[in-house]
Amino acid sequence: MDFNKFAAELDIDIEIFIELVDAWIQSTNEDIAALYAAKESSDAKKAAEHSHKIKGASSQLGFIEIAEAAKLIEHKARVGNMEGLGESLDVLKAKRDEIIKIKNGFVS
């Protein structure tokens, strides 16, 4: 994952891209926590809402794998299907953690 390439594609400085990634990390952390709560309460509407937010923010930064994982959750939740949500959330968290590692290595 090349942060310099993503910044260039957005036509912004790498420092600004890193700030956007920091905001994305915070937002995604909140949305993932909300998704776990939605899973526990079987609230498909909330699951769709928070996965939609992750999908959009991830797409804008070029994090397509995360956007696709969130899209799958969203589509299932929109029809009330909460099956497999825990496993999908684990995938989202793992992919988010990869981005955090890359970002931390980039700014070190």
PDB file of N, CA and C in Angstrom:
ATOM      1  N   MET A   1       0.852  -1.159   0.000  1.00  0.00           N
ATOM      2  CA  MET A   1       0.000   0.000   0.000  1.00  0.00           C
ATOM      3  C   MET A   1       0.905   1.232   0.000  1.00  0.00           C
ATOM      4  N   ASP A   2       0.751   2.050  -0.992  1.00  0.00           N
ATOM      5  CA  ASP A   2       1.647   3.182  -1.204  1.00  0.00           C
ATOM      6  C   ASP A   2       0.937   4.497  -0.881  1.00  0.00           C
ATOM      7  N   PHE A   3       1.198   5.037   0.302  1.00  0.00           N
ATOM      8  CA  PHE A   3       0.556   6.278   0.717  1.00  0.00           C
ATOM      9  C   PHE A   3       0.931   7.441  -0.206  1.00  0.00           C
ATOM     10  N   ASN A   4       2.172   7.448  -0.695  1.00  0.00           N
ATOM     11  CA  ASN A   4       2.578   8.519  -1.618  1.00  0.00           C
ATOM     12  C   ASN A   4       1.724   8.488  -2.885  1.00  0.00           C
ATOM     13  N   LYS A   5       1.459   7.302  -3.379  1.00  0.00           N
ATOM     14  CA  LYS A   5       0.630   7.152  -4.578  1.00  0.00           C
ATOM     15  C   LYS A   5      -0.801   7.620  -4.305  1.00  0.00           C
ATOM     16  N   PHE A   6      -1.347   7.220  -3.160  1.00  0.00           N
ATOM     17  CA  PHE A   6      -2.708   7.634  -2.821  1.00  0.00           C
ATOM     18  C   PHE A   6      -2.801   9.155  -2.701  1.00  0.00           C
ATOM     19  N   ALA A   7      -1.794   9.765  -2.069  1.00  0.00           N
ATOM     20  CA  ALA A   7      -1.789  11.233  -1.925  1.00  0.00           C
ATOM     21  C   ALA A   7      -1.723  11.892  -3.302  1.00  0.00           C
ATOM     22  N   ALA A   8      -0.877  11.351  -4.167  1.00  0.00           N
ATOM     23  CA  ALA A   8      -0.754  11.912  -5.521  1.00  0.00           C
ATOM     24  C   ALA A   8      -2.066  11.780  -6.290  1.00  0.00           C
ATOM     25  N   GLU A   9      -2.743  10.646  -6.139  1.00  0.00           N
ATOM     26  CA  GLU A   9      -4.024  10.452  -6.823  1.00  0.00           C
ATOM     27  C   GLU A   9      -5.085  11.433  -6.331  1.00  0.00           C
ATOM     28  N   LEU A  10      -4.978  11.830  -5.071  1.00  0.00           N
ATOM     29  CA  LEU A  10      -5.907  12.815  -4.520  1.00  0.00           C
ATOM     30  C   LEU A  10      -5.426  14.242  -4.747  1.00  0.00           C
ATOM     31  N   ASP A  11      -4.216  14.367  -5.295  1.00  0.00           N
ATOM     32  CA  ASP A  11      -3.603  15.663  -5.570  1.00  0.00           C
ATOM     33  C   ASP A  11      -3.440  16.481  -4.286  1.00  0.00           C
ATOM     34  N   ILE A  12      -2.923  15.817  -3.245  1.00  0.00           N
ATOM     35  CA  ILE A  12      -2.661  16.480  -1.969  1.00  0.00           C
ATOM     36  C   ILE A  12      -1.261  16.091  -1.490  1.00  0.00           C
ATOM     37  N   ASP A  13      -0.723  16.902  -0.576  1.00  0.00           N
ATOM     38  CA  ASP A  13       0.579  16.593   0.024  1.00  0.00           C
ATOM     39  C   ASP A  13       0.445  15.359   0.912  1.00  0.00           C
ATOM     40  N   ILE A  14       1.549  14.655   1.072  1.00  0.00           N
ATOM     41  CA  ILE A  14       1.547  13.450   1.883  1.00  0.00           C
ATOM     42  C   ILE A  14       1.183  13.773   3.335  1.00  0.00           C
ATOM     43  N   GLU A  15       1.593  14.934   3.827  1.00  0.00           N
ATOM     44  CA  GLU A  15       1.267  15.310   5.205  1.00  0.00           C
ATOM     45  C   GLU A  15      -0.248  15.416   5.390  1.00  0.00           C
ATOM     46  N   ILE A  16      -0.921  15.979   4.416  1.00  0.00           N
ATOM     47  CA  ILE A  16      -2.381  16.091   4.478  1.00  0.00           C
ATOM     48  C   ILE A  16      -3.011  14.707   4.383  1.00  0.00           C
ATOM     49  N   PHE A  17      -2.456  13.855   3.526  1.00  0.00           N
ATOM     50  CA  PHE A  17      -2.978  12.490   3.415  1.00  0.00           C
ATOM     51  C   PHE A  17      -2.859  11.770   4.764  1.00  0.00           C
ATOM     52  N   ILE A  18      -1.722  11.931   5.434  1.00  0.00           N
ATOM     53  CA  ILE A  18      -1.527  11.295   6.741  1.00  0.00           C
ATOM     54  C   ILE A  18      -2.561  11.817   7.737  1.00  0.00           C
ATOM     55  N   GLU A  19      -2.857  13.114   7.705  1.00  0.00           N
ATOM     56  CA  GLU A  19      -3.890  13.671   8.582  1.00  0.00           C
ATOM     57  C   GLU A  19      -5.249  13.050   8.270  1.00  0.00           C
ATOM     58  N   LEU A  20      -5.537  12.862   6.988  1.00  0.00           N
ATOM     59  CA  LEU A  20      -6.796  12.224   6.596  1.00  0.00           C
ATOM     60  C   LEU A  20      -6.843  10.779   7.076  1.00  0.00           C
ATOM     61  N   VAL A  21      -5.719  10.089   6.999  1.00  0.00           N
ATOM     62  CA  VAL A  21      -5.653   8.703   7.481  1.00  0.00           C
ATOM     63  C   VAL A  21      -5.889   8.671   8.994  1.00  0.00           C
ATOM     64  N   ASP A  22      -5.305   9.622   9.717  1.00  0.00           N
ATOM     65  CA  ASP A  22      -5.539   9.685  11.165  1.00  0.00           C
ATOM     66  C   ASP A  22      -7.028   9.870  11.467  1.00  0.00           C
ATOM     67  N   ALA A  23      -7.687  10.773  10.739  1.00  0.00           N
ATOM     68  CA  ALA A  23      -9.123  10.993  10.939  1.00  0.00           C
ATOM     69  C   ALA A  23      -9.905   9.743  10.570  1.00  0.00           C
ATOM     70  N   TRP A  24      -9.477   9.063   9.494  1.00  0.00           N
ATOM     71  CA  TRP A  24     -10.130   7.826   9.059  1.00  0.00           C
ATOM     72  C   TRP A  24     -10.003   6.752  10.145  1.00  0.00           C
ATOM     73  N   ILE A  25      -8.820   6.644  10.743  1.00  0.00           N
ATOM     74  CA  ILE A  25      -8.599   5.644  11.796  1.00  0.00           C
ATOM     75  C   ILE A  25      -9.555   5.891  12.955  1.00  0.00           C
ATOM     76  N   GLN A  26      -9.643   7.134  13.402  1.00  0.00           N
ATOM     77  CA  GLN A  26     -10.527   7.457  14.518  1.00  0.00           C
ATOM     78  C   GLN A  26     -11.978   7.153  14.166  1.00  0.00           C
ATOM     79  N   SER A  27     -12.408   7.597  13.003  1.00  0.00           N
ATOM     80  CA  SER A  27     -13.787   7.380  12.574  1.00  0.00           C
ATOM     81  C   SER A  27     -14.101   5.894  12.417  1.00  0.00           C
ATOM     82  N   THR A  28     -13.174   5.175  11.817  1.00  0.00           N
ATOM     83  CA  THR A  28     -13.373   3.746  11.596  1.00  0.00           C
ATOM     84  C   THR A  28     -13.412   2.986  12.916  1.00  0.00           C
ATOM     85  N   ASN A  29     -12.577   3.402  13.876  1.00  0.00           N
ATOM     86  CA  ASN A  29     -12.613   2.774  15.201  1.00  0.00           C
ATOM     87  C   ASN A  29     -14.004   2.919  15.811  1.00  0.00           C
ATOM     88  N   GLU A  30     -14.561   4.129  15.716  1.00  0.00           N
ATOM     89  CA  GLU A  30     -15.892   4.377  16.259  1.00  0.00           C
ATOM     90  C   GLU A  30     -16.956   3.548  15.528  1.00  0.00           C
ATOM     91  N   ASP A  31     -16.842   3.492  14.207  1.00  0.00           N
ATOM     92  CA  ASP A  31     -17.827   2.729  13.433  1.00  0.00           C
ATOM     93  C   ASP A  31     -17.721   1.227  13.679  1.00  0.00           C
ATOM     94  N   ILE A  32     -16.517   0.722  13.839  1.00  0.00           N
ATOM     95  CA  ILE A  32     -16.353  -0.702  14.124  1.00  0.00           C
ATOM     96  C   ILE A  32     -16.943  -1.025  15.504  1.00  0.00           C
ATOM     97  N   ALA A  33     -16.717  -0.150  16.484  1.00  0.00           N
ATOM     98  CA  ALA A  33     -17.316  -0.358  17.807  1.00  0.00           C
ATOM     99  C   ALA A  33     -18.842  -0.349  17.696  1.00  0.00           C
ATOM    100  N   ALA A  34     -19.381   0.561  16.892  1.00  0.00           N
ATOM    101  CA  ALA A  34     -20.836   0.624  16.694  1.00  0.00           C
ATOM    102  C   ALA A  34     -21.345  -0.626  15.976  1.00  0.00           C
ATOM    103  N   LEU A  35     -20.548  -1.159  15.072  1.00  0.00           N
ATOM    104  CA  LEU A  35     -20.943  -2.392  14.374  1.00  0.00           C
ATOM    105  C   LEU A  35     -20.990  -3.576  15.339  1.00  0.00           C
ATOM    106  N   TYR A  36     -20.030  -3.649  16.241  1.00  0.00           N
ATOM    107  CA  TYR A  36     -20.069  -4.719  17.246  1.00  0.00           C
ATOM    108  C   TYR A  36     -21.310  -4.573  18.126  1.00  0.00           C
ATOM    109  N   ALA A  37     -21.638  -3.338  18.486  1.00  0.00           N
ATOM    110  CA  ALA A  37     -22.851  -3.109  19.283  1.00  0.00           C
ATOM    111  C   ALA A  37     -24.092  -3.487  18.487  1.00  0.00           C
ATOM    112  N   ALA A  38     -24.113  -3.157  17.206  1.00  0.00           N
ATOM    113  CA  ALA A  38     -25.248  -3.519  16.344  1.00  0.00           C
ATOM    114  C   ALA A  38     -25.373  -5.031  16.234  1.00  0.00           C
ATOM    115  N   LYS A  39     -24.236  -5.708  16.168  1.00  0.00           N
ATOM    116  CA  LYS A  39     -24.245  -7.177  16.115  1.00  0.00           C
ATOM    117  C   LYS A  39     -24.866  -7.739  17.388  1.00  0.00           C
ATOM    118  N   GLU A  40     -24.443  -7.210  18.538  1.00  0.00           N
ATOM    119  CA  GLU A  40     -24.952  -7.705  19.821  1.00  0.00           C
ATOM    120  C   GLU A  40     -26.453  -7.475  19.971  1.00  0.00           C
ATOM    121  N   SER A  41     -26.946  -6.364  19.435  1.00  0.00           N
ATOM    122  CA  SER A  41     -28.371  -6.034  19.562  1.00  0.00           C
ATOM    123  C   SER A  41     -29.185  -6.454  18.342  1.00  0.00           C
ATOM    124  N   SER A  42     -28.512  -7.098  17.378  1.00  0.00           N
ATOM    125  CA  SER A  42     -29.163  -7.523  16.124  1.00  0.00           C
ATOM    126  C   SER A  42     -29.842  -6.357  15.413  1.00  0.00           C
ATOM    127  N   ASP A  43     -29.175  -5.209  15.412  1.00  0.00           N
ATOM    128  CA  ASP A  43     -29.703  -3.994  14.789  1.00  0.00           C
ATOM    129  C   ASP A  43     -29.130  -3.845  13.379  1.00  0.00           C
ATOM    130  N   ALA A  44     -29.831  -4.419  12.425  1.00  0.00           N
ATOM    131  CA  ALA A  44     -29.357  -4.410  11.033  1.00  0.00           C
ATOM    132  C   ALA A  44     -29.297  -3.000  10.473  1.00  0.00           C
ATOM    133  N   LYS A  45     -30.223  -2.146  10.872  1.00  0.00           N
ATOM    134  CA  LYS A  45     -30.223  -0.765  10.377  1.00  0.00           C
ATOM    135  C   LYS A  45     -28.940  -0.048  10.783  1.00  0.00           C
ATOM    136  N   LYS A  46     -28.540  -0.192  12.043  1.00  0.00           N
ATOM    137  CA  LYS A  46     -27.299   0.430  12.523  1.00  0.00           C
ATOM    138  C   LYS A  46     -26.076  -0.195  11.839  1.00  0.00           C
ATOM    139  N   ALA A  47     -26.122  -1.497  11.619  1.00  0.00           N
ATOM    140  CA  ALA A  47     -25.008  -2.160  10.937  1.00  0.00           C
ATOM    141  C   ALA A  47     -24.854  -1.613   9.523  1.00  0.00           C
ATOM    142  N   ALA A  48     -25.969  -1.424   8.827  1.00  0.00           N
ATOM    143  CA  ALA A  48     -25.923  -0.877   7.467  1.00  0.00           C
ATOM    144  C   ALA A  48     -25.388   0.550   7.481  1.00  0.00           C
ATOM    145  N   GLU A  49     -25.839   1.340   8.439  1.00  0.00           N
ATOM    146  CA  GLU A  49     -25.433   2.746   8.538  1.00  0.00           C
ATOM    147  C   GLU A  49     -23.924   2.876   8.765  1.00  0.00           C
ATOM    148  N   HIS A  50     -23.404   2.132   9.723  1.00  0.00           N
ATOM    149  CA  HIS A  50     -21.981   2.262  10.055  1.00  0.00           C
ATOM    150  C   HIS A  50     -21.079   1.608   9.016  1.00  0.00           C
ATOM    151  N   SER A  51     -21.513   0.530   8.426  1.00  0.00           N
ATOM    152  CA  SER A  51     -20.702  -0.071   7.369  1.00  0.00           C
ATOM    153  C   SER A  51     -20.690   0.833   6.138  1.00  0.00           C
ATOM    154  N   HIS A  52     -21.783   1.534   5.887  1.00  0.00           N
ATOM    155  CA  HIS A  52     -21.848   2.482   4.772  1.00  0.00           C
ATOM    156  C   HIS A  52     -20.827   3.612   4.980  1.00  0.00           C
ATOM    157  N   LYS A  53     -20.722   4.098   6.207  1.00  0.00           N
ATOM    158  CA  LYS A  53     -19.750   5.150   6.509  1.00  0.00           C
ATOM    159  C   LYS A  53     -18.323   4.665   6.276  1.00  0.00           C
ATOM    160  N   ILE A  54     -18.031   3.457   6.714  1.00  0.00           N
ATOM    161  CA  ILE A  54     -16.691   2.900   6.511  1.00  0.00           C
ATOM    162  C   ILE A  54     -16.414   2.740   5.022  1.00  0.00           C
ATOM    163  N   LYS A  55     -17.400   2.252   4.301  1.00  0.00           N
ATOM    164  CA  LYS A  55     -17.245   2.046   2.853  1.00  0.00           C
ATOM    165  C   LYS A  55     -16.901   3.359   2.153  1.00  0.00           C
ATOM    166  N   GLY A  56     -17.649   4.403   2.452  1.00  0.00           N
ATOM    167  CA  GLY A  56     -17.433   5.679   1.786  1.00  0.00           C
ATOM    168  C   GLY A  56     -16.088   6.300   2.113  1.00  0.00           C
ATOM    169  N   ALA A  57     -15.758   6.346   3.380  1.00  0.00           N
ATOM    170  CA  ALA A  57     -14.496   6.960   3.794  1.00  0.00           C
ATOM    171  C   ALA A  57     -13.300   6.179   3.255  1.00  0.00           C
ATOM    172  N   SER A  58     -13.408   4.866   3.266  1.00  0.00           N
ATOM    173  CA  SER A  58     -12.317   4.023   2.779  1.00  0.00           C
ATOM    174  C   SER A  58     -12.133   4.182   1.280  1.00  0.00           C
ATOM    175  N   SER A  59     -13.221   4.253   0.558  1.00  0.00           N
ATOM    176  CA  SER A  59     -13.152   4.435  -0.895  1.00  0.00           C
ATOM    177  C   SER A  59     -12.462   5.743  -1.241  1.00  0.00           C
ATOM    178  N   GLN A  60     -12.788   6.796  -0.527  1.00  0.00           N
ATOM    179  CA  GLN A  60     -12.216   8.108  -0.815  1.00  0.00           C
ATOM    180  C   GLN A  60     -10.701   8.131  -0.647  1.00  0.00           C
ATOM    181  N   LEU A  61     -10.182   7.340   0.274  1.00  0.00           N
ATOM    182  CA  LEU A  61      -8.744   7.316   0.509  1.00  0.00           C
ATOM    183  C   LEU A  61      -8.029   6.267  -0.333  1.00  0.00           C
ATOM    184  N   GLY A  62      -8.787   5.450  -1.046  1.00  0.00           N
ATOM    185  CA  GLY A  62      -8.171   4.426  -1.885  1.00  0.00           C
ATOM    186  C   GLY A  62      -8.024   3.080  -1.208  1.00  0.00           C
ATOM    187  N   PHE A  63      -8.629   2.908  -0.030  1.00  0.00           N
ATOM    188  CA  PHE A  63      -8.552   1.660   0.711  1.00  0.00           C
ATOM    189  C   PHE A  63      -9.669   0.727   0.226  1.00  0.00           C
ATOM    190  N   ILE A  64      -9.502   0.224  -0.974  1.00  0.00           N
ATOM    191  CA  ILE A  64     -10.557  -0.497  -1.672  1.00  0.00           C
ATOM    192  C   ILE A  64     -10.922  -1.815  -0.996  1.00  0.00           C
ATOM    193  N   GLU A  65      -9.952  -2.549  -0.478  1.00  0.00           N
ATOM    194  CA  GLU A  65     -10.269  -3.824   0.190  1.00  0.00           C
ATOM    195  C   GLU A  65     -11.178  -3.604   1.391  1.00  0.00           C
ATOM    196  N   ILE A  66     -10.911  -2.562   2.146  1.00  0.00           N
ATOM    197  CA  ILE A  66     -11.738  -2.260   3.305  1.00  0.00           C
ATOM    198  C   ILE A  66     -13.124  -1.814   2.846  1.00  0.00           C
ATOM    199  N   ALA A  67     -13.159  -0.991   1.817  1.00  0.00           N
ATOM    200  CA  ALA A  67     -14.446  -0.530   1.282  1.00  0.00           C
ATOM    201  C   ALA A  67     -15.284  -1.718   0.811  1.00  0.00           C
ATOM    202  N   GLU A  68     -14.652  -2.678   0.165  1.00  0.00           N
ATOM    203  CA  GLU A  68     -15.383  -3.852  -0.323  1.00  0.00           C
ATOM    204  C   GLU A  68     -15.899  -4.711   0.834  1.00  0.00           C
ATOM    205  N   ALA A  69     -15.092  -4.864   1.891  1.00  0.00           N
ATOM    206  CA  ALA A  69     -15.535  -5.633   3.058  1.00  0.00           C
ATOM    207  C   ALA A  69     -16.726  -4.936   3.722  1.00  0.00           C
ATOM    208  N   ALA A  70     -16.655  -3.611   3.827  1.00  0.00           N
ATOM    209  CA  ALA A  70     -17.762  -2.847   4.413  1.00  0.00           C
ATOM    210  C   ALA A  70     -19.001  -2.907   3.527  1.00  0.00           C
ATOM    211  N   LYS A  71     -18.790  -2.901   2.228  1.00  0.00           N
ATOM    212  CA  LYS A  71     -19.907  -2.990   1.278  1.00  0.00           C
ATOM    213  C   LYS A  71     -20.662  -4.303   1.449  1.00  0.00           C
ATOM    214  N   LEU A  72     -19.942  -5.385   1.647  1.00  0.00           N
ATOM    215  CA  LEU A  72     -20.569  -6.692   1.864  1.00  0.00           C
ATOM    216  C   LEU A  72     -21.429  -6.669   3.128  1.00  0.00           C
ATOM    217  N   ILE A  73     -20.892  -6.104   4.200  1.00  0.00           N
ATOM    218  CA  ILE A  73     -21.664  -5.997   5.443  1.00  0.00           C
ATOM    219  C   ILE A  73     -22.910  -5.155   5.201  1.00  0.00           C
ATOM    220  N   GLU A  74     -22.728  -4.017   4.542  1.00  0.00           N
ATOM    221  CA  GLU A  74     -23.852  -3.114   4.303  1.00  0.00           C
ATOM    222  C   GLU A  74     -24.966  -3.795   3.501  1.00  0.00           C
ATOM    223  N   HIS A  75     -24.595  -4.453   2.422  1.00  0.00           N
ATOM    224  CA  HIS A  75     -25.611  -5.094   1.570  1.00  0.00           C
ATOM    225  C   HIS A  75     -26.381  -6.171   2.319  1.00  0.00           C
ATOM    226  N   LYS A  76     -25.679  -6.954   3.113  1.00  0.00           N
ATOM    227  CA  LYS A  76     -26.366  -7.983   3.895  1.00  0.00           C
ATOM    228  C   LYS A  76     -27.272  -7.356   4.944  1.00  0.00           C
ATOM    229  N   ALA A  77     -26.771  -6.331   5.623  1.00  0.00           N
ATOM    230  CA  ALA A  77     -27.550  -5.697   6.690  1.00  0.00           C
ATOM    231  C   ALA A  77     -28.795  -5.007   6.129  1.00  0.00           C
ATOM    232  N   ARG A  78     -28.690  -4.451   4.930  1.00  0.00           N
ATOM    233  CA  ARG A  78     -29.840  -3.756   4.329  1.00  0.00           C
ATOM    234  C   ARG A  78     -31.036  -4.690   4.117  1.00  0.00           C
ATOM    235  N   VAL A  79     -30.758  -5.973   3.988  1.00  0.00           N
ATOM    236  CA  VAL A  79     -31.855  -6.943   3.843  1.00  0.00           C
ATOM    237  C   VAL A  79     -32.092  -7.714   5.140  1.00  0.00           C
ATOM    238  N   GLY A  80     -31.508  -7.190   6.229  1.00  0.00           N
ATOM    239  CA  GLY A  80     -31.736  -7.788   7.540  1.00  0.00           C
ATOM    240  C   GLY A  80     -30.898  -9.005   7.853  1.00  0.00           C
ATOM    241  N   ASN A  81     -29.903  -9.291   7.042  1.00  0.00           N
ATOM    242  CA  ASN A  81     -29.063 -10.468   7.237  1.00  0.00           C
ATOM    243  C   ASN A  81     -27.840 -10.094   8.080  1.00  0.00           C
ATOM    244  N   MET A  82     -27.825 -10.565   9.320  1.00  0.00           N
ATOM    245  CA  MET A  82     -26.701 -10.293  10.215  1.00  0.00           C
ATOM    246  C   MET A  82     -25.756 -11.496  10.316  1.00  0.00           C
ATOM    247  N   GLU A  83     -26.046 -12.533   9.543  1.00  0.00           N
ATOM    248  CA  GLU A  83     -25.243 -13.749   9.571  1.00  0.00           C
ATOM    249  C   GLU A  83     -23.822 -13.456   9.095  1.00  0.00           C
ATOM    250  N   GLY A  84     -22.855 -13.923   9.849  1.00  0.00           N
ATOM    251  CA  GLY A  84     -21.450 -13.764   9.474  1.00  0.00           C
ATOM    252  C   GLY A  84     -20.877 -12.390   9.777  1.00  0.00           C
ATOM    253  N   LEU A  85     -21.649 -11.558  10.488  1.00  0.00           N
ATOM    254  CA  LEU A  85     -21.184 -10.204  10.778  1.00  0.00           C
ATOM    255  C   LEU A  85     -19.915 -10.203  11.618  1.00  0.00           C
ATOM    256  N   GLY A  86     -19.831 -11.104  12.580  1.00  0.00           N
ATOM    257  CA  GLY A  86     -18.640 -11.168  13.432  1.00  0.00           C
ATOM    258  C   GLY A  86     -17.376 -11.439  12.637  1.00  0.00           C
ATOM    259  N   GLU A  87     -17.448 -12.392  11.722  1.00  0.00           N
ATOM    260  CA  GLU A  87     -16.289 -12.727  10.893  1.00  0.00           C
ATOM    261  C   GLU A  87     -15.927 -11.563   9.975  1.00  0.00           C
ATOM    262  N   SER A  88     -16.936 -10.921   9.411  1.00  0.00           N
ATOM    263  CA  SER A  88     -16.687  -9.773   8.540  1.00  0.00           C
ATOM    264  C   SER A  88     -16.060  -8.621   9.311  1.00  0.00           C
ATOM    265  N   LEU A  89     -16.494  -8.427  10.546  1.00  0.00           N
ATOM    266  CA  LEU A  89     -15.902  -7.385  11.384  1.00  0.00           C
ATOM    267  C   LEU A  89     -14.447  -7.692  11.707  1.00  0.00           C
ATOM    268  N   ASP A  90     -14.154  -8.967  11.924  1.00  0.00           N
ATOM    269  CA  ASP A  90     -12.770  -9.354  12.177  1.00  0.00           C
ATOM    270  C   ASP A  90     -11.887  -9.020  10.978  1.00  0.00           C
ATOM    271  N   VAL A  91     -12.408  -9.220   9.772  1.00  0.00           N
ATOM    272  CA  VAL A  91     -11.674  -8.877   8.554  1.00  0.00           C
ATOM    273  C   VAL A  91     -11.459  -7.366   8.486  1.00  0.00           C
ATOM    274  N   LEU A  92     -12.511  -6.597   8.753  1.00  0.00           N
ATOM    275  CA  LEU A  92     -12.392  -5.135   8.747  1.00  0.00           C
ATOM    276  C   LEU A  92     -11.333  -4.666   9.739  1.00  0.00           C
ATOM    277  N   LYS A  93     -11.386  -5.209  10.947  1.00  0.00           N
ATOM    278  CA  LYS A  93     -10.412  -4.818  11.967  1.00  0.00           C
ATOM    279  C   LYS A  93      -8.993  -5.160  11.539  1.00  0.00           C
ATOM    280  N   ALA A  94      -8.800  -6.340  10.976  1.00  0.00           N
ATOM    281  CA  ALA A  94      -7.463  -6.756  10.545  1.00  0.00           C
ATOM    282  C   ALA A  94      -6.938  -5.834   9.450  1.00  0.00           C
ATOM    283  N   LYS A  95      -7.778  -5.488   8.508  1.00  0.00           N
ATOM    284  CA  LYS A  95      -7.365  -4.602   7.424  1.00  0.00           C
ATOM    285  C   LYS A  95      -7.096  -3.191   7.947  1.00  0.00           C
ATOM    286  N   ARG A  96      -7.920  -2.726   8.889  1.00  0.00           N
ATOM    287  CA  ARG A  96      -7.683  -1.426   9.514  1.00  0.00           C
ATOM    288  C   ARG A  96      -6.342  -1.444  10.246  1.00  0.00           C
ATOM    289  N   ASP A  97      -6.058  -2.525  10.955  1.00  0.00           N
ATOM    290  CA  ASP A  97      -4.798  -2.637  11.689  1.00  0.00           C
ATOM    291  C   ASP A  97      -3.598  -2.606  10.738  1.00  0.00           C
ATOM    292  N   GLU A  98      -3.748  -3.191   9.550  1.00  0.00           N
ATOM    293  CA  GLU A  98      -2.675  -3.130   8.545  1.00  0.00           C
ATOM    294  C   GLU A  98      -2.393  -1.684   8.155  1.00  0.00           C
ATOM    295  N   ILE A  99      -3.447  -0.913   7.960  1.00  0.00           N
ATOM    296  CA  ILE A  99      -3.274   0.498   7.580  1.00  0.00           C
ATOM    297  C   ILE A  99      -2.611   1.275   8.713  1.00  0.00           C
ATOM    298  N   ILE A 100      -2.998   0.974   9.944  1.00  0.00           N
ATOM    299  CA  ILE A 100      -2.383   1.645  11.087  1.00  0.00           C
ATOM    300  C   ILE A 100      -0.887   1.342  11.124  1.00  0.00           C
ATOM    301  N   LYS A 101      -0.502   0.091  10.894  1.00  0.00           N
ATOM    302  CA  LYS A 101       0.921  -0.281  10.884  1.00  0.00           C
ATOM    303  C   LYS A 101       1.662   0.441   9.773  1.00  0.00           C
ATOM    304  N   ILE A 102       1.065   0.482   8.595  1.00  0.00           N
ATOM    305  CA  ILE A 102       1.717   1.174   7.467  1.00  0.00           C
ATOM    306  C   ILE A 102       1.880   2.649   7.791  1.00  0.00           C
ATOM    307  N   LYS A 103       0.830   3.253   8.311  1.00  0.00           N
ATOM    308  CA  LYS A 103       0.885   4.686   8.656  1.00  0.00           C
ATOM    309  C   LYS A 103       1.944   4.937   9.712  1.00  0.00           C
ATOM    310  N   ASN A 104       1.974   4.098  10.765  1.00  0.00           N
ATOM    311  CA  ASN A 104       2.973   4.284  11.826  1.00  0.00           C
ATOM    312  C   ASN A 104       4.391   4.106  11.307  1.00  0.00           C
ATOM    313  N   GLY A 105       4.575   3.152  10.407  1.00  0.00           N
ATOM    314  CA  GLY A 105       5.893   2.958   9.798  1.00  0.00           C
ATOM    315  C   GLY A 105       6.267   4.095   8.878  1.00  0.00           C
ATOM    316  N   PHE A 106       5.270   4.697   8.273  1.00  0.00           N
ATOM    317  CA  PHE A 106       5.514   5.781   7.325  1.00  0.00           C
ATOM    318  C   PHE A 106       5.969   7.045   8.041  1.00  0.00           C
ATOM    319  N   VAL A 107       5.382   7.335   9.178  1.00  0.00           N
ATOM    320  CA  VAL A 107       5.689   8.574   9.883  1.00  0.00           C
ATOM    321  C   VAL A 107       6.855   8.420  10.866  1.00  0.00           C
ATOM    322  N   SER A 108       7.356   7.212  11.043  1.00  0.00           N
ATOM    323  CA  SER A 108       8.471   6.999  11.983  1.00  0.00           C
ATOM    324  C   SER A 108       9.765   7.528  11.441  1.00  0.00           C
TER     325      SER A 108
END
